[in-house]
C-alpha atoms as a PDB file:
ATOM      1  CA  MET A   1     -85.802 -74.765 190.688  1.00  0.00           C
ATOM      2  CA  THR A   2     -88.774 -76.674 192.096  1.00  0.00           C
ATOM      3  CA  ALA A   3     -88.686 -80.421 191.525  1.00  0.00           C
ATOM      4  CA  ALA A   4     -91.437 -81.999 189.467  1.00  0.00           C
ATOM      5  CA  ALA A   5     -94.357 -83.380 191.445  1.00  0.00           C
ATOM      6  CA  ARG A   6     -94.119 -87.157 191.621  1.00  0.00           C
ATOM      7  CA  VAL A   7     -97.523 -88.610 190.709  1.00  0.00           C
ATOM      8  CA  LEU A   8     -98.195 -92.315 191.172  1.00  0.00           C
ATOM      9  CA  LEU A   9    -100.653 -93.791 188.680  1.00  0.00           C
ATOM     10  CA  SER A  10    -102.421 -96.876 190.048  1.00  0.00           C
ATOM     11  CA  VAL A  11    -104.882 -98.149 187.438  1.00  0.00           C
ATOM     12  CA  GLU A  12    -105.692-101.371 185.603  1.00  0.00           C
ATOM     13  CA  ALA A  13    -102.749-102.607 183.521  1.00  0.00           C
ATOM     14  CA  ASP A  14    -104.619-102.399 180.218  1.00  0.00           C
ATOM     15  CA  GLU A  15    -105.536 -98.747 180.883  1.00  0.00           C
ATOM     16  CA  ALA A  16    -102.214 -97.501 182.270  1.00  0.00           C
ATOM     17  CA  ALA A  17    -100.822 -96.226 178.949  1.00  0.00           C
ATOM     18  CA  MET A  18    -104.069 -94.439 178.092  1.00  0.00           C
ATOM     19  CA  TRP A  19    -104.310 -92.682 181.451  1.00  0.00           C
ATOM     20  CA  ARG A  20    -100.606 -91.801 181.506  1.00  0.00           C
ATOM     21  CA  GLY A  21    -100.824 -90.223 178.054  1.00  0.00           C
ATOM     22  CA  ALA A  22    -103.955 -88.259 178.964  1.00  0.00           C
ATOM     23  CA  LEU A  23    -102.473 -86.983 182.230  1.00  0.00           C
ATOM     24  CA  ILE A  24     -99.172 -85.969 180.621  1.00  0.00           C
ATOM     25  CA  ALA A  25    -101.062 -84.043 177.932  1.00  0.00           C
ATOM     26  CA  ALA A  26    -103.246 -82.340 180.562  1.00  0.00           C
ATOM     27  CA  ALA A  27    -100.227 -81.402 182.695  1.00  0.00           C
ATOM     28  CA  GLU A  28     -98.455 -79.893 179.686  1.00  0.00           C
ATOM     29  CA  ARG A  29    -101.569 -77.967 178.692  1.00  0.00           C
ATOM     30  CA  LEU A  30    -101.891 -76.527 182.208  1.00  0.00           C
ATOM     31  CA  GLY A  31     -98.180 -75.844 182.590  1.00  0.00           C
ATOM     32  CA  LEU A  32     -97.744 -78.313 185.457  1.00  0.00           C
ATOM     33  CA  ASP A  33     -94.379 -79.942 186.084  1.00  0.00           C
ATOM     34  CA  ALA A  34     -95.182 -83.549 186.959  1.00  0.00           C
ATOM     35  CA  ALA A  35     -93.505 -86.933 186.651  1.00  0.00           C
ATOM     36  CA  PHE A  36     -95.932 -89.838 186.328  1.00  0.00           C
ATOM     37  CA  ILE A  37     -94.903 -93.182 187.814  1.00  0.00           C
ATOM     38  CA  ASN A  38     -96.611 -96.479 187.078  1.00  0.00           C
ATOM     39  CA  ALA A  39     -97.604 -98.127 190.360  1.00  0.00           C
ATOM     40  CA  ALA A  40     -96.704-101.528 188.903  1.00  0.00           C
ATOM     41  CA  THR A  41     -93.020-100.497 188.819  1.00  0.00           C
ATOM     42  CA  ALA A  42     -90.670-100.254 191.796  1.00  0.00           C
ATOM     43  CA  HIS A  43     -90.999 -96.928 193.636  1.00  0.00           C
ATOM     44  CA  ASP A  44     -90.570 -95.363 197.073  1.00  0.00           C
ATOM     45  CA  PRO A  45     -94.021 -94.618 198.601  1.00  0.00           C
ATOM     46  CA  THR A  46     -92.550 -91.932 200.843  1.00  0.00           C
ATOM     47  CA  ALA A  47     -91.377 -89.972 197.778  1.00  0.00           C
ATOM     48  CA  ILE A  48     -94.821 -89.760 196.142  1.00  0.00           C
ATOM     49  CA  ASP A  49     -96.580 -86.382 196.133  1.00  0.00           C
ATOM     50  CA  PHE A  50     -99.934 -87.443 194.663  1.00  0.00           C
ATOM     51  CA  VAL A  51    -101.668 -90.754 193.955  1.00  0.00           C
ATOM     52  CA  VAL A  52    -104.063 -90.999 191.002  1.00  0.00           C
ATOM     53  CA  PHE A  53    -105.957 -94.268 191.167  1.00  0.00           C
ATOM     54  CA  THR A  54    -108.908 -96.500 190.472  1.00  0.00           C
ATOM     55  CA  HIS A  55    -109.994 -99.037 193.069  1.00  0.00           C
ATOM     56  CA  ALA A  56    -108.992-101.844 190.662  1.00  0.00           C
ATOM     57  CA  GLY A  57    -105.392-100.627 190.344  1.00  0.00           C
ATOM     58  CA  PRO A  58    -102.419-102.510 191.851  1.00  0.00           C
ATOM     59  CA  VAL A  59    -102.241-100.369 195.016  1.00  0.00           C
ATOM     60  CA  ARG A  60    -104.881-101.576 197.484  1.00  0.00           C
ATOM     61  CA  ASP A  61    -103.339-100.121 200.642  1.00  0.00           C
ATOM     62  CA  PHE A  62    -102.484 -96.423 200.650  1.00  0.00           C
ATOM     63  CA  ARG A  63    -101.122 -96.265 204.196  1.00  0.00           C
ATOM     64  CA  PRO A  64     -97.464 -96.292 202.994  1.00  0.00           C
ATOM     65  CA  TYR A  65     -98.215 -93.066 201.046  1.00  0.00           C
ATOM     66  CA  ALA A  66     -98.574 -91.009 204.216  1.00  0.00           C
ATOM     67  CA  ARG A  67     -96.499 -88.135 202.790  1.00  0.00           C
ATOM     68  CA  ALA A  68     -98.765 -87.689 199.751  1.00  0.00           C
ATOM     69  CA  LYS A  69    -100.654 -84.415 199.460  1.00  0.00           C
ATOM     70  CA  ALA A  70    -103.810 -86.072 198.092  1.00  0.00           C
ATOM     71  CA  LEU A  71    -105.323 -89.329 196.837  1.00  0.00           C
ATOM     72  CA  LEU A  72    -107.154 -88.622 193.579  1.00  0.00           C
ATOM     73  CA  SER A  73    -109.766 -91.144 192.457  1.00  0.00           C
ATOM     74  CA  LEU A  74    -110.557 -91.378 188.741  1.00  0.00           C
ATOM     75  CA  TRP A  75    -114.079 -92.558 189.643  1.00  0.00           C
ATOM     76  CA  ALA A  76    -117.021 -90.387 190.649  1.00  0.00           C
ATOM     77  CA  GLY A  77    -118.160 -92.766 193.389  1.00  0.00           C
ATOM     78  CA  VAL A  78    -116.301 -93.113 196.667  1.00  0.00           C
ATOM     79  CA  GLU A  79    -117.732 -96.307 198.175  1.00  0.00           C
ATOM     80  CA  LYS A  80    -114.970 -98.623 196.957  1.00  0.00           C
ATOM     81  CA  ALA A  81    -112.250 -96.019 197.440  1.00  0.00           C
ATOM     82  CA  LEU A  82    -113.283 -95.523 201.067  1.00  0.00           C
ATOM     83  CA  ALA A  83    -113.039 -99.275 201.614  1.00  0.00           C
ATOM     84  CA  LEU A  84    -109.279 -99.202 200.878  1.00  0.00           C
ATOM     85  CA  PRO A  85    -106.905 -98.594 203.810  1.00  0.00           C
ATOM     86  CA  ALA A  86    -105.495 -95.065 203.671  1.00  0.00           C
ATOM     87  CA  PRO A  87    -103.869 -92.497 205.967  1.00  0.00           C
ATOM     88  CA  THR A  88    -106.641 -90.431 207.535  1.00  0.00           C
ATOM     89  CA  HIS A  89    -104.807 -87.108 207.206  1.00  0.00           C
ATOM     90  CA  VAL A  90    -104.410 -87.316 203.398  1.00  0.00           C
ATOM     91  CA  PRO A  91    -107.388 -85.825 201.483  1.00  0.00           C
ATOM     92  CA  LEU A  92    -109.353 -88.213 199.250  1.00  0.00           C
ATOM     93  CA  CYS A  93    -110.720 -86.525 196.124  1.00  0.00           C
ATOM     94  CA  ARG A  94    -113.229 -88.012 193.682  1.00  0.00           C
ATOM     95  CA  MET A  95    -113.628 -87.278 189.997  1.00  0.00           C
ATOM     96  CA  VAL A  96    -115.983 -84.412 189.108  1.00  0.00           C
ATOM     97  CA  GLU A  97    -115.826 -83.867 185.366  1.00  0.00           C
ATOM     98  CA  PRO A  98    -118.485 -82.761 182.830  1.00  0.00           C
ATOM     99  CA  GLY A  99    -117.914 -85.617 180.382  1.00  0.00           C
ATOM    100  CA  LEU A 100    -118.350 -88.216 183.109  1.00  0.00           C
ATOM    101  CA  ARG A 101    -121.511 -86.504 184.351  1.00  0.00           C
ATOM    102  CA  TRP A 102    -123.030 -86.139 180.889  1.00  0.00           C
ATOM    103  CA  GLY A 103    -122.165 -89.709 179.913  1.00  0.00           C
ATOM    104  CA  MET A 104    -123.870 -91.108 183.005  1.00  0.00           C
ATOM    105  CA  THR A 105    -126.917 -88.922 182.370  1.00  0.00           C
ATOM    106  CA  ASP A 106    -127.147 -90.262 178.803  1.00  0.00           C
ATOM    107  CA  TYR A 107    -126.990 -93.808 180.158  1.00  0.00           C
ATOM    108  CA  ILE A 108    -129.652 -93.241 182.832  1.00  0.00           C
ATOM    109  CA  VAL A 109    -132.032 -91.372 180.510  1.00  0.00           C
ATOM    110  CA  GLY A 110    -131.577 -94.039 177.830  1.00  0.00           C
ATOM    111  CA  HIS A 111    -132.588 -96.805 180.227  1.00  0.00           C
ATOM    112  CA  VAL A 112    -135.524 -94.852 181.631  1.00  0.00           C
ATOM    113  CA  MET A 113    -136.805 -94.380 178.071  1.00  0.00           C
ATOM    114  CA  ARG A 114    -136.221 -98.074 177.390  1.00  0.00           C
ATOM    115  CA  TYR A 115    -138.557 -99.078 180.199  1.00  0.00           C
ATOM    116  CA  HIS A 116    -140.963 -96.181 179.715  1.00  0.00           C
ATOM    117  CA  LEU A 117    -141.591 -97.112 176.060  1.00  0.00           C
ATOM    118  CA  ASP A 118    -141.174-100.875 176.629  1.00  0.00           C
ATOM    119  CA  LEU A 119    -138.618-101.011 173.840  1.00  0.00           C
ATOM    120  CA  ASP A 120    -137.692-104.587 174.737  1.00  0.00           C
ATOM    121  CA  ALA A 121    -141.162-105.726 173.698  1.00  0.00           C
ATOM    122  CA  ALA A 122    -140.843-103.865 170.397  1.00  0.00           C
ATOM    123  CA  LEU A 123    -137.434-105.412 169.721  1.00  0.00           C
ATOM    124  CA  ARG A 124    -138.677-108.895 170.491  1.00  0.00           C
ATOM    125  CA  GLY A 125    -141.088-108.635 167.494  1.00  0.00           C
ATOM    126  CA  PRO A 126    -142.197-109.359 164.923  1.00  0.00           C
ATOM    127  CA  GLY A 127    -145.646-108.122 165.760  1.00  0.00           C
ATOM    128  CA  PRO A 128    -148.443-106.035 164.337  1.00  0.00           C
ATOM    129  CA  ALA A 129    -147.534-102.507 163.366  1.00  0.00           C
ATOM    130  CA  TRP A 130    -150.543-101.247 165.292  1.00  0.00           C
ATOM    131  CA  GLY A 131    -152.357-102.439 168.356  1.00  0.00           C
ATOM    132  CA  ALA A 132    -149.428-102.567 170.774  1.00  0.00           C
ATOM    133  CA  PRO A 133    -150.102-101.104 174.236  1.00  0.00           C
ATOM    134  CA  VAL A 134    -149.588 -97.349 174.296  1.00  0.00           C
ATOM    135  CA  PRO A 135    -147.296 -96.176 177.112  1.00  0.00           C
ATOM    136  CA  PRO A 136    -148.371 -93.245 179.271  1.00  0.00           C
ATOM    137  CA  LEU A 137    -147.022 -89.813 178.486  1.00  0.00           C
ATOM    138  CA  ALA A 138    -143.841 -88.909 180.334  1.00  0.00           C
ATOM    139  CA  HIS A 139    -145.610 -86.525 182.716  1.00  0.00           C
ATOM    140  CA  ASP A 140    -147.770 -89.448 183.900  1.00  0.00           C
ATOM    141  CA  ARG A 141    -144.726 -91.606 184.673  1.00  0.00           C
ATOM    142  CA  ARG A 142    -143.071 -91.273 188.071  1.00  0.00           C
ATOM    143  CA  VAL A 143    -139.284 -91.689 188.161  1.00  0.00           C
ATOM    144  CA  CYS A 144    -137.276 -91.753 191.367  1.00  0.00           C
ATOM    145  CA  VAL A 145    -133.555 -91.034 191.408  1.00  0.00           C
ATOM    146  CA  LEU A 146    -131.723 -92.411 194.438  1.00  0.00           C
ATOM    147  CA  GLY A 147    -128.754 -90.162 195.081  1.00  0.00           C
ATOM    148  CA  LEU A 148    -128.683 -86.509 194.018  1.00  0.00           C
ATOM    149  CA  GLY A 149    -124.963 -85.873 193.892  1.00  0.00           C
ATOM    150  CA  GLU A 150    -123.038 -84.717 190.810  1.00  0.00           C
ATOM    151  CA  LEU A 151    -124.337 -87.594 188.675  1.00  0.00           C
ATOM    152  CA  GLY A 152    -127.830 -88.134 190.062  1.00  0.00           C
ATOM    153  CA  ALA A 153    -128.755 -84.454 190.120  1.00  0.00           C
ATOM    154  CA  ASP A 154    -127.836 -83.988 186.464  1.00  0.00           C
ATOM    155  CA  ALA A 155    -129.847 -87.069 185.450  1.00  0.00           C
ATOM    156  CA  ALA A 156    -132.828 -85.875 187.503  1.00  0.00           C
ATOM    157  CA  ARG A 157    -132.725 -82.457 185.820  1.00  0.00           C
ATOM    158  CA  MET A 158    -132.639 -84.043 182.370  1.00  0.00           C
ATOM    159  CA  LEU A 159    -135.540 -86.395 183.155  1.00  0.00           C
ATOM    160  CA  ALA A 160    -137.562 -83.453 184.462  1.00  0.00           C
ATOM    161  CA  ALA A 161    -136.789 -81.559 181.250  1.00  0.00           C
ATOM    162  CA  LEU A 162    -138.298 -84.514 179.358  1.00  0.00           C
ATOM    163  CA  ARG A 163    -141.473 -83.954 181.420  1.00  0.00           C
ATOM    164  CA  PHE A 164    -141.198 -87.028 183.637  1.00  0.00           C
ATOM    165  CA  ALA A 165    -142.571 -86.643 187.150  1.00  0.00           C
ATOM    166  CA  VAL A 166    -139.277 -86.856 189.018  1.00  0.00           C
ATOM    167  CA  SER A 167    -138.699 -87.515 192.701  1.00  0.00           C
ATOM    168  CA  GLY A 168    -135.284 -87.673 194.268  1.00  0.00           C
ATOM    169  CA  TRP A 169    -133.752 -89.057 197.425  1.00  0.00           C
ATOM    170  CA  SER A 170    -130.618 -87.674 199.006  1.00  0.00           C
ATOM    171  CA  ARG A 171    -129.052 -87.779 202.446  1.00  0.00           C
ATOM    172  CA  THR A 172    -129.192 -83.989 202.444  1.00  0.00           C
ATOM    173  CA  PRO A 173    -131.901 -81.726 200.969  1.00  0.00           C
ATOM    174  CA  LYS A 174    -131.192 -80.465 197.438  1.00  0.00           C
ATOM    175  CA  ASN A 175    -132.878 -77.679 195.515  1.00  0.00           C
ATOM    176  CA  ILE A 176    -133.266 -79.001 191.962  1.00  0.00           C
ATOM    177  CA  PRO A 177    -135.928 -77.337 189.778  1.00  0.00           C
ATOM    178  CA  GLY A 178    -138.564 -79.823 188.642  1.00  0.00           C
ATOM    179  CA  VAL A 179    -137.468 -82.517 191.106  1.00  0.00           C
ATOM    180  CA  ASP A 180    -139.692 -83.350 194.060  1.00  0.00           C
ATOM    181  CA  GLN A 181    -137.824 -84.307 197.218  1.00  0.00           C
ATOM    182  CA  PRO A 182    -140.334 -84.780 200.024  1.00  0.00           C
ATOM    183  CA  GLY A 183    -139.064 -86.237 203.267  1.00  0.00           C
ATOM    184  CA  ALA A 184    -135.361 -86.316 202.396  1.00  0.00           C
ATOM    185  CA  ALA A 185    -134.622 -88.134 205.634  1.00  0.00           C
ATOM    186  CA  ARG A 186    -136.836 -91.080 204.725  1.00  0.00           C
ATOM    187  CA  GLN A 187    -135.100 -94.280 203.737  1.00  0.00           C
ATOM    188  CA  PRO A 188    -134.982 -95.184 200.014  1.00  0.00           C
ATOM    189  CA  ALA A 189    -136.870 -98.439 200.649  1.00  0.00           C
ATOM    190  CA  GLU A 190    -139.961 -96.441 201.597  1.00  0.00           C
ATOM    191  CA  ARG A 191    -139.940 -94.783 198.180  1.00  0.00           C
ATOM    192  CA  LEU A 192    -139.530 -97.980 196.186  1.00  0.00           C
ATOM    193  CA  ARG A 193    -143.065 -99.059 197.025  1.00  0.00           C
ATOM    194  CA  VAL A 194    -144.619 -96.161 195.097  1.00  0.00           C
ATOM    195  CA  LYS A 195    -142.298 -95.523 192.146  1.00  0.00           C
ATOM    196  CA  GLN A 196    -142.703 -96.876 188.645  1.00  0.00           C
ATOM    197  CA  VAL A 197    -139.150 -96.314 187.374  1.00  0.00           C
ATOM    198  CA  LEU A 198    -136.044 -96.184 189.526  1.00  0.00           C
ATOM    199  CA  GLY A 199    -132.727 -94.559 188.646  1.00  0.00           C
ATOM    200  CA  LEU A 200    -129.570 -94.879 190.721  1.00  0.00           C
ATOM    201  CA  GLY A 201    -127.623 -91.633 190.759  1.00  0.00           C
ATOM    202  CA  GLY A 202    -124.659 -90.471 192.782  1.00  0.00           C
END
């Protein structure tokens, strides 16, 4: 009989129980035999098969986990994860999950609409019901999304669907309907001079 995979969970203390419960439920649903170990407890790094982590968890140096099959980040971004020492032969995987992508798109679109409609001015009221400056229509507003990865690309598509004039910047060319990406190799700073609304994707 194959032994259960030993999965180390390295997350913030106040989130450990939540993540452990969610991962146990997911493993049972998928028929995976896994034992989840809290990184805050004593354990042998050489006996760990997988590490599931956030950059704010208790493990900040993954080099002792050289026998692990993968390091699995619960975050979509990799900048902070890549800054942590780790064995170079162990794959580093980032989170790609629809709920995370959709939630970030909601957040980005909400803030673009906030600035587009100048909702802060309306909330500062009281003021006259009529006579406030009328914002341009969405198709007359240029929005630039810096980063067209899993998160940025989805946000750019949604903004384009709302009829904004959307440009995107990415290190590599992307084919996203409704999103203009001229000169992908140009630096983001060159774009900032001509854009009215800026969104940071990933």
